[in-house]
Amino acid sequence: MPTISLFYGITIMMYYRDHTPPHFHARYQGEEASFTFDGELHEGSFPPKQRKLVAAWAVLNAESLAVDWELAREKKDLVAIKPL
């Protein structure tokens, strides 16, 4: 699963063969969750402070996330997204 961003110890990734709705995955100190592009927690659990950071990052980068989602569906290289 390619890493598309990294900030404050949080790793942001996107699978190439993932299911809808469009989303990304975040990892932090053994916790993993998926989030929609509007920053909502989709599945899993995440520490509250880091959850807020991921949500803010997602809102700021929703367009870039959508581009990477389409690239992943086409099995093309994903583009790194600037950290928070």
C-alpha atoms as a PDB file:
ATOM      1  CA  MET A   1       0.000   0.000   0.000  1.00  0.00           C
ATOM      2  CA  PRO A   2       1.698   3.229  -1.121  1.00  0.00           C
ATOM      3  CA  THR A   3       2.346   5.961   1.423  1.00  0.00           C
ATOM      4  CA  ILE A   4       1.112   9.306   0.111  1.00  0.00           C
ATOM      5  CA  SER A   5       1.885  11.524   3.107  1.00  0.00           C
ATOM      6  CA  LEU A   6       3.565  11.495   6.502  1.00  0.00           C
ATOM      7  CA  PHE A   7       3.182  14.061   9.298  1.00  0.00           C
ATOM      8  CA  TYR A   8       3.399  14.117  13.112  1.00  0.00           C
ATOM      9  CA  GLY A   9       4.096  10.377  13.141  1.00  0.00           C
ATOM     10  CA  ILE A  10       0.925   9.674  11.120  1.00  0.00           C
ATOM     11  CA  THR A  11       1.321   7.677   7.911  1.00  0.00           C
ATOM     12  CA  ILE A  12      -1.302   8.215   5.193  1.00  0.00           C
ATOM     13  CA  MET A  13      -1.730   5.433   2.621  1.00  0.00           C
ATOM     14  CA  MET A  14      -4.049   4.404  -0.190  1.00  0.00           C
ATOM     15  CA  TYR A  15      -4.639   0.891  -1.515  1.00  0.00           C
ATOM     16  CA  TYR A  16      -4.622   0.157  -5.228  1.00  0.00           C
ATOM     17  CA  ARG A  17      -7.475  -2.348  -5.029  1.00  0.00           C
ATOM     18  CA  ASP A  18      -9.759  -0.747  -2.480  1.00  0.00           C
ATOM     19  CA  HIS A  19     -13.532  -0.635  -2.293  1.00  0.00           C
ATOM     20  CA  THR A  20     -15.877   2.338  -2.338  1.00  0.00           C
ATOM     21  CA  PRO A  21     -16.567   4.836  -0.908  1.00  0.00           C
ATOM     22  CA  PRO A  22     -13.353   6.643  -1.781  1.00  0.00           C
ATOM     23  CA  HIS A  23     -11.135   6.746   1.289  1.00  0.00           C
ATOM     24  CA  PHE A  24      -7.586   6.554   2.591  1.00  0.00           C
ATOM     25  CA  HIS A  25      -5.920   4.775   5.491  1.00  0.00           C
ATOM     26  CA  ALA A  26      -4.003   6.317   8.383  1.00  0.00           C
ATOM     27  CA  ARG A  27      -1.647   4.627  10.863  1.00  0.00           C
ATOM     28  CA  TYR A  28      -0.341   5.974  14.141  1.00  0.00           C
ATOM     29  CA  GLN A  29       1.451   3.990  16.858  1.00  0.00           C
ATOM     30  CA  GLY A  30      -0.233   0.687  16.058  1.00  0.00           C
ATOM     31  CA  GLU A  31      -3.687   2.186  15.412  1.00  0.00           C
ATOM     32  CA  GLU A  32      -5.171   2.099  11.916  1.00  0.00           C
ATOM     33  CA  ALA A  33      -8.330   3.641  10.524  1.00  0.00           C
ATOM     34  CA  SER A  34      -9.795   4.672   7.206  1.00  0.00           C
ATOM     35  CA  PHE A  35     -11.180   8.136   6.508  1.00  0.00           C
ATOM     36  CA  THR A  36     -13.331   9.618   3.766  1.00  0.00           C
ATOM     37  CA  PHE A  37     -12.013  12.573   1.801  1.00  0.00           C
ATOM     38  CA  ASP A  38     -14.060  14.988   3.925  1.00  0.00           C
ATOM     39  CA  GLY A  39     -12.172  13.799   7.016  1.00  0.00           C
ATOM     40  CA  GLU A  40     -14.834  11.560   8.537  1.00  0.00           C
ATOM     41  CA  LEU A  41     -13.755   8.342  10.237  1.00  0.00           C
ATOM     42  CA  HIS A  42     -14.913   5.503   7.987  1.00  0.00           C
ATOM     43  CA  GLU A  43     -13.650   2.383   9.795  1.00  0.00           C
ATOM     44  CA  GLY A  44     -11.362   1.595  12.694  1.00  0.00           C
ATOM     45  CA  SER A  45     -10.272   3.693  15.631  1.00  0.00           C
ATOM     46  CA  PHE A  46      -7.762   6.488  16.004  1.00  0.00           C
ATOM     47  CA  PRO A  47      -6.560   8.617  18.924  1.00  0.00           C
ATOM     48  CA  PRO A  48      -8.687  11.807  19.185  1.00  0.00           C
ATOM     49  CA  LYS A  49      -5.850  14.325  18.693  1.00  0.00           C
ATOM     50  CA  GLN A  50      -4.457  12.513  15.660  1.00  0.00           C
ATOM     51  CA  ARG A  51      -7.970  11.984  14.307  1.00  0.00           C
ATOM     52  CA  LYS A  52      -8.452  15.773  14.257  1.00  0.00           C
ATOM     53  CA  LEU A  53      -5.120  16.249  12.476  1.00  0.00           C
ATOM     54  CA  VAL A  54      -6.037  13.671   9.826  1.00  0.00           C
ATOM     55  CA  ALA A  55      -9.489  15.233   9.365  1.00  0.00           C
ATOM     56  CA  ALA A  56      -7.989  18.709   8.870  1.00  0.00           C
ATOM     57  CA  TRP A  57      -5.404  17.343   6.430  1.00  0.00           C
ATOM     58  CA  ALA A  58      -8.100  15.516   4.448  1.00  0.00           C
ATOM     59  CA  VAL A  59     -10.268  18.611   4.076  1.00  0.00           C
ATOM     60  CA  LEU A  60      -7.272  20.651   2.895  1.00  0.00           C
ATOM     61  CA  ASN A  61      -6.271  17.950   0.392  1.00  0.00           C
ATOM     62  CA  ALA A  62      -9.613  16.522  -0.778  1.00  0.00           C
ATOM     63  CA  GLU A  63      -8.915  17.307  -4.444  1.00  0.00           C
ATOM     64  CA  SER A  64      -5.475  15.680  -4.341  1.00  0.00           C
ATOM     65  CA  LEU A  65      -6.958  12.640  -2.597  1.00  0.00           C
ATOM     66  CA  ALA A  66      -9.554  12.311  -5.371  1.00  0.00           C
ATOM     67  CA  VAL A  67      -6.780  12.442  -7.983  1.00  0.00           C
ATOM     68  CA  ASP A  68      -4.823   9.716  -6.177  1.00  0.00           C
ATOM     69  CA  TRP A  69      -7.993   7.614  -5.854  1.00  0.00           C
ATOM     70  CA  GLU A  70      -8.457   7.686  -9.635  1.00  0.00           C
ATOM     71  CA  LEU A  71      -4.784   6.914 -10.209  1.00  0.00           C
ATOM     72  CA  ALA A  72      -5.052   3.941  -7.836  1.00  0.00           C
ATOM     73  CA  ARG A  73      -8.123   2.638  -9.673  1.00  0.00           C
ATOM     74  CA  GLU A  74      -6.122   2.865 -12.908  1.00  0.00           C
ATOM     75  CA  LYS A  75      -3.180   1.105 -11.179  1.00  0.00           C
ATOM     76  CA  LYS A  76      -0.886   4.080 -11.819  1.00  0.00           C
ATOM     77  CA  ASP A  77       1.711   5.607  -9.511  1.00  0.00           C
ATOM     78  CA  LEU A  78       0.190   7.784  -6.803  1.00  0.00           C
ATOM     79  CA  VAL A  79       1.284  11.356  -6.189  1.00  0.00           C
ATOM     80  CA  ALA A  80       2.637  12.355  -2.775  1.00  0.00           C
ATOM     81  CA  ILE A  81       0.508  14.908  -0.945  1.00  0.00           C
ATOM     82  CA  LYS A  82       2.108  17.603   1.183  1.00  0.00           C
ATOM     83  CA  PRO A  83       2.028  16.999   4.924  1.00  0.00           C
ATOM     84  CA  LEU A  84       0.100  19.062   7.435  1.00  0.00           C
END
